[in-house]
C-alpha atoms as a PDB file:
ATOM      1  CA  MET A   1     -19.335  17.530 -71.089  1.00  0.00           C
ATOM      2  CA  SER A   2     -20.010  16.335 -74.605  1.00  0.00           C
ATOM      3  CA  GLU A   3     -23.317  16.821 -76.350  1.00  0.00           C
ATOM      4  CA  ASN A   4     -25.374  14.319 -78.308  1.00  0.00           C
ATOM      5  CA  THR A   5     -26.882  14.908 -81.744  1.00  0.00           C
ATOM      6  CA  ARG A   6     -29.882  16.807 -80.342  1.00  0.00           C
ATOM      7  CA  GLY A   7     -27.691  19.252 -78.464  1.00  0.00           C
ATOM      8  CA  GLN A   8     -28.601  17.861 -75.047  1.00  0.00           C
ATOM      9  CA  HIS A   9     -25.962  17.053 -72.470  1.00  0.00           C
ATOM     10  CA  ASN A  10     -25.131  13.383 -71.990  1.00  0.00           C
ATOM     11  CA  TRP A  11     -26.148  12.481 -68.457  1.00  0.00           C
ATOM     12  CA  THR A  12     -27.969   9.703 -66.691  1.00  0.00           C
ATOM     13  CA  PHE A  13     -30.270   9.446 -63.708  1.00  0.00           C
ATOM     14  CA  LEU A  14     -28.082   6.913 -61.909  1.00  0.00           C
ATOM     15  CA  SER A  15     -24.525   7.441 -60.724  1.00  0.00           C
ATOM     16  CA  ASN A  16     -21.480   5.423 -61.732  1.00  0.00           C
ATOM     17  CA  HIS A  17     -21.567   3.890 -58.243  1.00  0.00           C
ATOM     18  CA  SER A  18     -25.026   2.474 -58.921  1.00  0.00           C
ATOM     19  CA  HIS A  19     -23.976   1.301 -62.386  1.00  0.00           C
ATOM     20  CA  VAL A  20     -20.993  -0.606 -60.955  1.00  0.00           C
ATOM     21  CA  LEU A  21     -23.168  -2.068 -58.197  1.00  0.00           C
ATOM     22  CA  LEU A  22     -25.751  -3.215 -60.751  1.00  0.00           C
ATOM     23  CA  CYS A  23     -23.024  -4.854 -62.850  1.00  0.00           C
ATOM     24  CA  LEU A  24     -21.771  -6.783 -59.821  1.00  0.00           C
ATOM     25  CA  ALA A  25     -25.303  -7.760 -58.834  1.00  0.00           C
ATOM     26  CA  ASP A  26     -25.769  -9.161 -62.329  1.00  0.00           C
ATOM     27  CA  ASN A  27     -22.405 -10.971 -62.432  1.00  0.00           C
ATOM     28  CA  SER A  28     -20.479 -11.367 -59.176  1.00  0.00           C
ATOM     29  CA  GLU A  29     -17.349 -12.433 -61.078  1.00  0.00           C
ATOM     30  CA  MET A  30     -17.285  -9.567 -63.584  1.00  0.00           C
ATOM     31  CA  ARG A  31     -13.786  -8.186 -64.220  1.00  0.00           C
ATOM     32  CA  MET A  32     -12.982  -4.537 -63.561  1.00  0.00           C
ATOM     33  CA  ARG A  33     -12.065  -4.112 -67.229  1.00  0.00           C
ATOM     34  CA  ASP A  34     -15.470  -5.406 -68.328  1.00  0.00           C
ATOM     35  CA  ILE A  35     -17.329  -3.222 -65.829  1.00  0.00           C
ATOM     36  CA  ALA A  36     -15.364  -0.176 -67.004  1.00  0.00           C
ATOM     37  CA  GLN A  37     -16.295  -0.863 -70.602  1.00  0.00           C
ATOM     38  CA  LYS A  38     -19.968  -1.446 -69.809  1.00  0.00           C
ATOM     39  CA  VAL A  39     -20.301   1.649 -67.579  1.00  0.00           C
ATOM     40  CA  GLY A  40     -18.134   3.846 -69.823  1.00  0.00           C
ATOM     41  CA  ILE A  41     -15.506   4.817 -67.266  1.00  0.00           C
ATOM     42  CA  THR A  42     -11.867   3.922 -66.673  1.00  0.00           C
ATOM     43  CA  GLU A  43     -10.765   0.751 -64.961  1.00  0.00           C
ATOM     44  CA  ARG A  44      -9.147   2.899 -62.260  1.00  0.00           C
ATOM     45  CA  ALA A  45     -12.487   4.640 -61.626  1.00  0.00           C
ATOM     46  CA  VAL A  46     -14.145   1.227 -61.235  1.00  0.00           C
ATOM     47  CA  GLN A  47     -11.480   0.201 -58.712  1.00  0.00           C
ATOM     48  CA  LYS A  48     -12.154   3.371 -56.700  1.00  0.00           C
ATOM     49  CA  ILE A  49     -15.911   2.802 -56.795  1.00  0.00           C
ATOM     50  CA  VAL A  50     -15.504  -0.845 -55.726  1.00  0.00           C
ATOM     51  CA  ALA A  51     -13.333   0.356 -52.826  1.00  0.00           C
ATOM     52  CA  ASP A  52     -16.026   2.909 -51.867  1.00  0.00           C
ATOM     53  CA  LEU A  53     -18.785   0.276 -52.029  1.00  0.00           C
ATOM     54  CA  THR A  54     -16.697  -2.172 -50.001  1.00  0.00           C
ATOM     55  CA  GLU A  55     -15.799   0.409 -47.362  1.00  0.00           C
ATOM     56  CA  ALA A  56     -19.467   1.430 -47.014  1.00  0.00           C
ATOM     57  CA  GLY A  57     -20.533  -2.207 -46.597  1.00  0.00           C
ATOM     58  CA  TYR A  58     -22.531  -2.510 -49.821  1.00  0.00           C
ATOM     59  CA  ILE A  59     -20.343  -5.305 -51.210  1.00  0.00           C
ATOM     60  CA  ASP A  60     -17.809  -7.824 -49.959  1.00  0.00           C
ATOM     61  CA  ARG A  61     -14.831  -8.937 -52.006  1.00  0.00           C
ATOM     62  CA  ILE A  62     -14.210 -12.670 -51.875  1.00  0.00           C
ATOM     63  CA  LYS A  63     -10.831 -13.908 -53.123  1.00  0.00           C
ATOM     64  CA  ASP A  64     -11.162 -16.967 -55.347  1.00  0.00           C
ATOM     65  CA  GLY A  65      -7.623 -17.925 -56.349  1.00  0.00           C
ATOM     66  CA  ARG A  66      -6.354 -15.116 -58.578  1.00  0.00           C
ATOM     67  CA  CYS A  67      -9.886 -13.839 -59.187  1.00  0.00           C
ATOM     68  CA  ASN A  68     -12.355 -11.911 -57.076  1.00  0.00           C
ATOM     69  CA  ARG A  69     -16.046 -12.489 -56.555  1.00  0.00           C
ATOM     70  CA  TYR A  70     -18.305  -9.854 -55.082  1.00  0.00           C
ATOM     71  CA  GLN A  71     -21.258 -10.324 -52.793  1.00  0.00           C
ATOM     72  CA  VAL A  72     -23.794  -7.499 -52.981  1.00  0.00           C
ATOM     73  CA  HIS A  73     -25.651  -6.804 -49.751  1.00  0.00           C
ATOM     74  CA  ARG A  74     -29.110  -6.405 -51.207  1.00  0.00           C
ATOM     75  CA  ASP A  75     -30.706  -5.581 -47.854  1.00  0.00           C
ATOM     76  CA  LYS A  76     -28.544  -2.491 -47.275  1.00  0.00           C
ATOM     77  CA  HIS A  77     -30.375   0.854 -47.447  1.00  0.00           C
ATOM     78  CA  LEU A  78     -29.600   3.429 -50.139  1.00  0.00           C
ATOM     79  CA  ARG A  79     -27.563   6.391 -48.900  1.00  0.00           C
ATOM     80  CA  HIS A  80     -29.360   9.579 -49.905  1.00  0.00           C
ATOM     81  CA  PRO A  81     -32.165  10.775 -47.587  1.00  0.00           C
ATOM     82  CA  ILE A  82     -34.631  10.894 -50.495  1.00  0.00           C
ATOM     83  CA  GLU A  83     -34.262   7.150 -51.147  1.00  0.00           C
ATOM     84  CA  ALA A  84     -32.984   5.931 -47.765  1.00  0.00           C
ATOM     85  CA  HIS A  85     -36.282   4.129 -47.144  1.00  0.00           C
ATOM     86  CA  ARG A  86     -35.342   1.756 -50.009  1.00  0.00           C
ATOM     87  CA  VAL A  87     -32.776  -1.051 -50.131  1.00  0.00           C
ATOM     88  CA  ILE A  88     -30.384  -2.197 -52.850  1.00  0.00           C
ATOM     89  CA  GLU A  89     -32.797  -5.018 -53.750  1.00  0.00           C
ATOM     90  CA  ASP A  90     -35.405  -2.385 -54.679  1.00  0.00           C
ATOM     91  CA  LEU A  91     -32.944  -0.716 -57.054  1.00  0.00           C
ATOM     92  CA  ILE A  92     -31.996  -4.036 -58.640  1.00  0.00           C
ATOM     93  CA  ARG A  93     -35.652  -5.016 -58.997  1.00  0.00           C
ATOM     94  CA  LEU A  94     -36.434  -1.653 -60.634  1.00  0.00           C
ATOM     95  CA  ILE A  95     -33.586  -1.756 -63.155  1.00  0.00           C
ATOM     96  CA  ASP A  96     -33.185  -5.481 -63.763  1.00  0.00           C
ATOM     97  CA  PRO A  97     -36.214  -7.429 -62.510  1.00  0.00           C
ATOM     98  CA  GLU A  98     -34.809 -10.715 -63.858  1.00  0.00           C
ATOM     99  CA  ASN A  99     -31.736 -10.381 -61.596  1.00  0.00           C
ATOM    100  CA  LEU A 100     -33.340 -11.669 -58.404  1.00  0.00           C
END
């Protein structure tokens, strides 16, 4: 893991899964390439995360010609027992209150 200028490890409180989900909640037509750039991961990693989120029922992929749109299920509960009493909408409201 790389270190920043203060010698602290670069890490975040939210996972890449939540970052990808937040990107799709903000823009349901966002391209994998653009998500990868914004989150700071590879396009392949984004594809895997989107597959995970789809399989778990957090998003639906909607084919629109050659493009995809994604519907985020904002009423779905978060997965970890610590936050399982909260839903995706709560996370979106916390991070991006204008994305309602």
